[in-house]
C-alpha atoms as a PDB file:
ATOM      1  CA  MET A   1      -0.009   0.000   0.009  1.00  0.00           C
ATOM      2  CA  ILE A   2       1.134   3.512  -0.766  1.00  0.00           C
ATOM      3  CA  TRP A   3       0.878   5.708   2.317  1.00  0.00           C
ATOM      4  CA  ILE A   4       1.862   9.254   3.239  1.00  0.00           C
ATOM      5  CA  GLU A   5       4.331  10.505   5.836  1.00  0.00           C
ATOM      6  CA  VAL A   6       3.171  12.860   8.595  1.00  0.00           C
ATOM      7  CA  GLU A   7       5.501  15.607   7.369  1.00  0.00           C
ATOM      8  CA  ASP A   8       3.927  15.419   3.909  1.00  0.00           C
ATOM      9  CA  VAL A   9       0.434  15.702   5.400  1.00  0.00           C
ATOM     10  CA  ILE A  10       1.546  18.814   7.215  1.00  0.00           C
ATOM     11  CA  LEU A  11       2.979  20.289   4.031  1.00  0.00           C
ATOM     12  CA  ILE A  12      -0.174  19.505   2.018  1.00  0.00           C
ATOM     13  CA  HIS A  13      -2.289  21.082   4.745  1.00  0.00           C
ATOM     14  CA  GLY A  14      -0.131  24.203   4.664  1.00  0.00           C
ATOM     15  CA  ARG A  15      -0.645  24.515   0.874  1.00  0.00           C
ATOM     16  CA  ILE A  16      -4.394  24.084   1.265  1.00  0.00           C
ATOM     17  CA  ILE A  17      -4.482  26.833   3.884  1.00  0.00           C
ATOM     18  CA  GLN A  18      -2.352  29.125   1.653  1.00  0.00           C
ATOM     19  CA  ALA A  19      -4.690  28.555  -1.297  1.00  0.00           C
ATOM     20  CA  THR A  20      -8.038  28.679   0.479  1.00  0.00           C
ATOM     21  CA  GLY A  21      -7.459  30.631   3.681  1.00  0.00           C
ATOM     22  CA  GLY A  22      -7.548  29.784   7.366  1.00  0.00           C
ATOM     23  CA  ILE A  23      -5.050  29.188  10.128  1.00  0.00           C
ATOM     24  CA  ASP A  24      -2.119  26.834   9.629  1.00  0.00           C
ATOM     25  CA  GLY A  25      -0.884  24.582  12.417  1.00  0.00           C
ATOM     26  CA  LEU A  26      -1.028  21.036  13.735  1.00  0.00           C
ATOM     27  CA  ARG A  27      -2.896  20.449  16.955  1.00  0.00           C
ATOM     28  CA  ASP A  28      -2.662  16.632  17.373  1.00  0.00           C
ATOM     29  CA  ARG A  29      -0.730  13.966  15.450  1.00  0.00           C
ATOM     30  CA  ALA A  30      -2.939  11.097  16.726  1.00  0.00           C
ATOM     31  CA  ALA A  31      -5.326  11.164  13.780  1.00  0.00           C
ATOM     32  CA  LEU A  32      -2.400  10.799  11.423  1.00  0.00           C
ATOM     33  CA  ALA A  33      -1.063   7.692  13.160  1.00  0.00           C
ATOM     34  CA  ALA A  34      -4.315   5.909  13.932  1.00  0.00           C
ATOM     35  CA  PRO A  35      -4.795   4.092  10.571  1.00  0.00           C
ATOM     36  CA  LEU A  36      -1.497   2.259  10.974  1.00  0.00           C
ATOM     37  CA  GLN A  37      -2.131   0.956  14.534  1.00  0.00           C
ATOM     38  CA  SER A  38      -1.993  -2.711  15.310  1.00  0.00           C
ATOM     39  CA  PHE A  39      -2.749  -4.917  18.310  1.00  0.00           C
ATOM     40  CA  ALA A  40      -1.222  -8.333  18.936  1.00  0.00           C
ATOM     41  CA  GLY A  41       0.416  -8.221  15.519  1.00  0.00           C
ATOM     42  CA  GLU A  42      -2.833  -7.545  13.657  1.00  0.00           C
ATOM     43  CA  ASP A  43      -3.669  -4.310  11.879  1.00  0.00           C
ATOM     44  CA  LEU A  44      -6.677  -2.546  13.430  1.00  0.00           C
ATOM     45  CA  PHE A  45      -7.548  -1.338   9.950  1.00  0.00           C
ATOM     46  CA  PRO A  46      -6.625  -4.339   7.775  1.00  0.00           C
ATOM     47  CA  SER A  47      -7.520  -3.093   4.276  1.00  0.00           C
ATOM     48  CA  ASP A  48      -6.301  -0.142   2.217  1.00  0.00           C
ATOM     49  CA  ILE A  49      -9.791   1.325   2.115  1.00  0.00           C
ATOM     50  CA  LYS A  50     -10.280   0.967   5.880  1.00  0.00           C
ATOM     51  CA  LYS A  51      -6.977   2.742   6.521  1.00  0.00           C
ATOM     52  CA  ILE A  52      -7.896   5.551   4.108  1.00  0.00           C
ATOM     53  CA  ALA A  53     -11.372   5.929   5.631  1.00  0.00           C
ATOM     54  CA  ARG A  54      -9.893   6.026   9.139  1.00  0.00           C
ATOM     55  CA  LEU A  55      -7.473   8.809   8.140  1.00  0.00           C
ATOM     56  CA  GLY A  56     -10.131  10.865   6.347  1.00  0.00           C
ATOM     57  CA  TYR A  57     -12.596  10.493   9.193  1.00  0.00           C
ATOM     58  CA  GLY A  58      -9.963  11.110  11.904  1.00  0.00           C
ATOM     59  CA  LEU A  59      -8.784  14.316  10.279  1.00  0.00           C
ATOM     60  CA  ALA A  60     -12.287  15.727   9.743  1.00  0.00           C
ATOM     61  CA  ALA A  61     -13.797  14.624  13.041  1.00  0.00           C
ATOM     62  CA  ASN A  62     -10.933  14.850  15.498  1.00  0.00           C
ATOM     63  CA  HIS A  63      -9.545  18.229  14.423  1.00  0.00           C
ATOM     64  CA  ALA A  64      -5.882  17.316  14.058  1.00  0.00           C
ATOM     65  CA  PHE A  65      -5.203  20.798  12.637  1.00  0.00           C
ATOM     66  CA  ILE A  66      -6.223  24.200  13.950  1.00  0.00           C
ATOM     67  CA  ASP A  67      -8.226  24.858  10.752  1.00  0.00           C
ATOM     68  CA  GLY A  68      -8.982  23.128   7.460  1.00  0.00           C
ATOM     69  CA  ASN A  69      -9.706  19.667   8.863  1.00  0.00           C
ATOM     70  CA  LYS A  70     -12.518  18.827   6.439  1.00  0.00           C
ATOM     71  CA  ARG A  71     -10.369  20.047   3.538  1.00  0.00           C
ATOM     72  CA  ILE A  72      -7.307  17.973   4.462  1.00  0.00           C
ATOM     73  CA  GLY A  73      -9.457  14.932   5.257  1.00  0.00           C
ATOM     74  CA  ALA A  74     -11.173  15.116   1.884  1.00  0.00           C
ATOM     75  CA  MET A  75      -7.906  15.796   0.033  1.00  0.00           C
ATOM     76  CA  LEU A  76      -6.015  12.891   1.595  1.00  0.00           C
ATOM     77  CA  THR A  77      -8.935  10.533   1.090  1.00  0.00           C
ATOM     78  CA  GLN A  78      -8.896  11.364  -2.612  1.00  0.00           C
ATOM     79  CA  LEU A  79      -5.104  11.268  -2.948  1.00  0.00           C
ATOM     80  CA  LEU A  80      -4.628   7.980  -1.132  1.00  0.00           C
ATOM     81  CA  LEU A  81      -7.417   6.290  -3.096  1.00  0.00           C
ATOM     82  CA  LYS A  82      -5.900   7.517  -6.361  1.00  0.00           C
ATOM     83  CA  TRP A  83      -2.337   6.552  -5.384  1.00  0.00           C
ATOM     84  CA  ASN A  84      -3.560   3.047  -4.498  1.00  0.00           C
ATOM     85  CA  SER A  85      -5.334   2.629  -7.884  1.00  0.00           C
ATOM     86  CA  TYR A  86      -8.892   3.299  -6.773  1.00  0.00           C
ATOM     87  CA  HIS A  87     -11.029   5.584  -8.912  1.00  0.00           C
ATOM     88  CA  LEU A  88     -13.481   7.720  -6.928  1.00  0.00           C
ATOM     89  CA  GLU A  89     -16.541   8.512  -9.026  1.00  0.00           C
ATOM     90  CA  LEU A  90     -18.396  11.573  -7.689  1.00  0.00           C
ATOM     91  CA  GLN A  91     -21.164  13.979  -8.535  1.00  0.00           C
ATOM     92  CA  LYS A  92     -20.633  17.684  -7.809  1.00  0.00           C
ATOM     93  CA  GLY A  93     -20.792  18.419  -4.085  1.00  0.00           C
ATOM     94  CA  GLU A  94     -20.807  14.811  -2.864  1.00  0.00           C
ATOM     95  CA  LEU A  95     -17.310  14.916  -1.389  1.00  0.00           C
ATOM     96  CA  ALA A  96     -17.954  18.198   0.435  1.00  0.00           C
ATOM     97  CA  ASP A  97     -21.310  16.915   1.701  1.00  0.00           C
ATOM     98  CA  MET A  98     -19.698  13.803   3.182  1.00  0.00           C
ATOM     99  CA  PHE A  99     -16.960  15.686   4.996  1.00  0.00           C
ATOM    100  CA  ILE A 100     -19.363  18.325   6.291  1.00  0.00           C
ATOM    101  CA  ALA A 101     -21.521  15.490   7.647  1.00  0.00           C
ATOM    102  CA  ILE A 102     -18.491  13.978   9.385  1.00  0.00           C
ATOM    103  CA  ALA A 103     -17.571  17.323  10.940  1.00  0.00           C
ATOM    104  CA  ASP A 104     -21.088  18.042  12.182  1.00  0.00           C
ATOM    105  CA  GLY A 105     -21.457  14.525  13.616  1.00  0.00           C
ATOM    106  CA  SER A 106     -24.200  13.281  11.307  1.00  0.00           C
ATOM    107  CA  ALA A 107     -21.813  10.771   9.634  1.00  0.00           C
ATOM    108  CA  ASP A 108     -19.344   8.460  11.353  1.00  0.00           C
ATOM    109  CA  GLU A 109     -16.334   6.439  10.240  1.00  0.00           C
ATOM    110  CA  GLN A 110     -18.484   3.509   9.062  1.00  0.00           C
ATOM    111  CA  ASP A 111     -20.568   5.899   6.985  1.00  0.00           C
ATOM    112  CA  LEU A 112     -17.413   7.206   5.274  1.00  0.00           C
ATOM    113  CA  LEU A 113     -16.207   3.653   4.665  1.00  0.00           C
ATOM    114  CA  ALA A 114     -19.521   2.693   3.091  1.00  0.00           C
ATOM    115  CA  TRP A 115     -19.578   5.924   1.095  1.00  0.00           C
ATOM    116  CA  ILE A 116     -16.067   5.237  -0.273  1.00  0.00           C
ATOM    117  CA  ARG A 117     -17.020   1.666  -1.216  1.00  0.00           C
ATOM    118  CA  ALA A 118     -20.147   2.944  -2.989  1.00  0.00           C
ATOM    119  CA  HIS A 119     -18.163   5.534  -4.975  1.00  0.00           C
ATOM    120  CA  ILE A 120     -15.078   3.600  -6.096  1.00  0.00           C
ATOM    121  CA  ARG A 121     -14.958   1.979  -9.498  1.00  0.00           C
END
């Protein structure tokens, strides 16, 4: 699986903030590390898609950054799917709607996982 380093996530976030506005800065690295956790030698998120969904959800819901959490969550979800040879097929506004729902608490991690599975081709 192709993954992304924490430092690269921070750089991408900084570019998003420069381009779209907001406050740059990392608040908590935990959301960035969570998808790669294991217990007793077993991955807690055993598939590529589960890892990607965990990262996207964790960034949007847990506010790893001071600002731009929905934006970085959506961006990394798209990038990691693409880098791992998944094609995300979307209608206008669907991605934003999903990440807004995560941030406002009306969608959870399982909803994002199901949404990704429904939108990959």
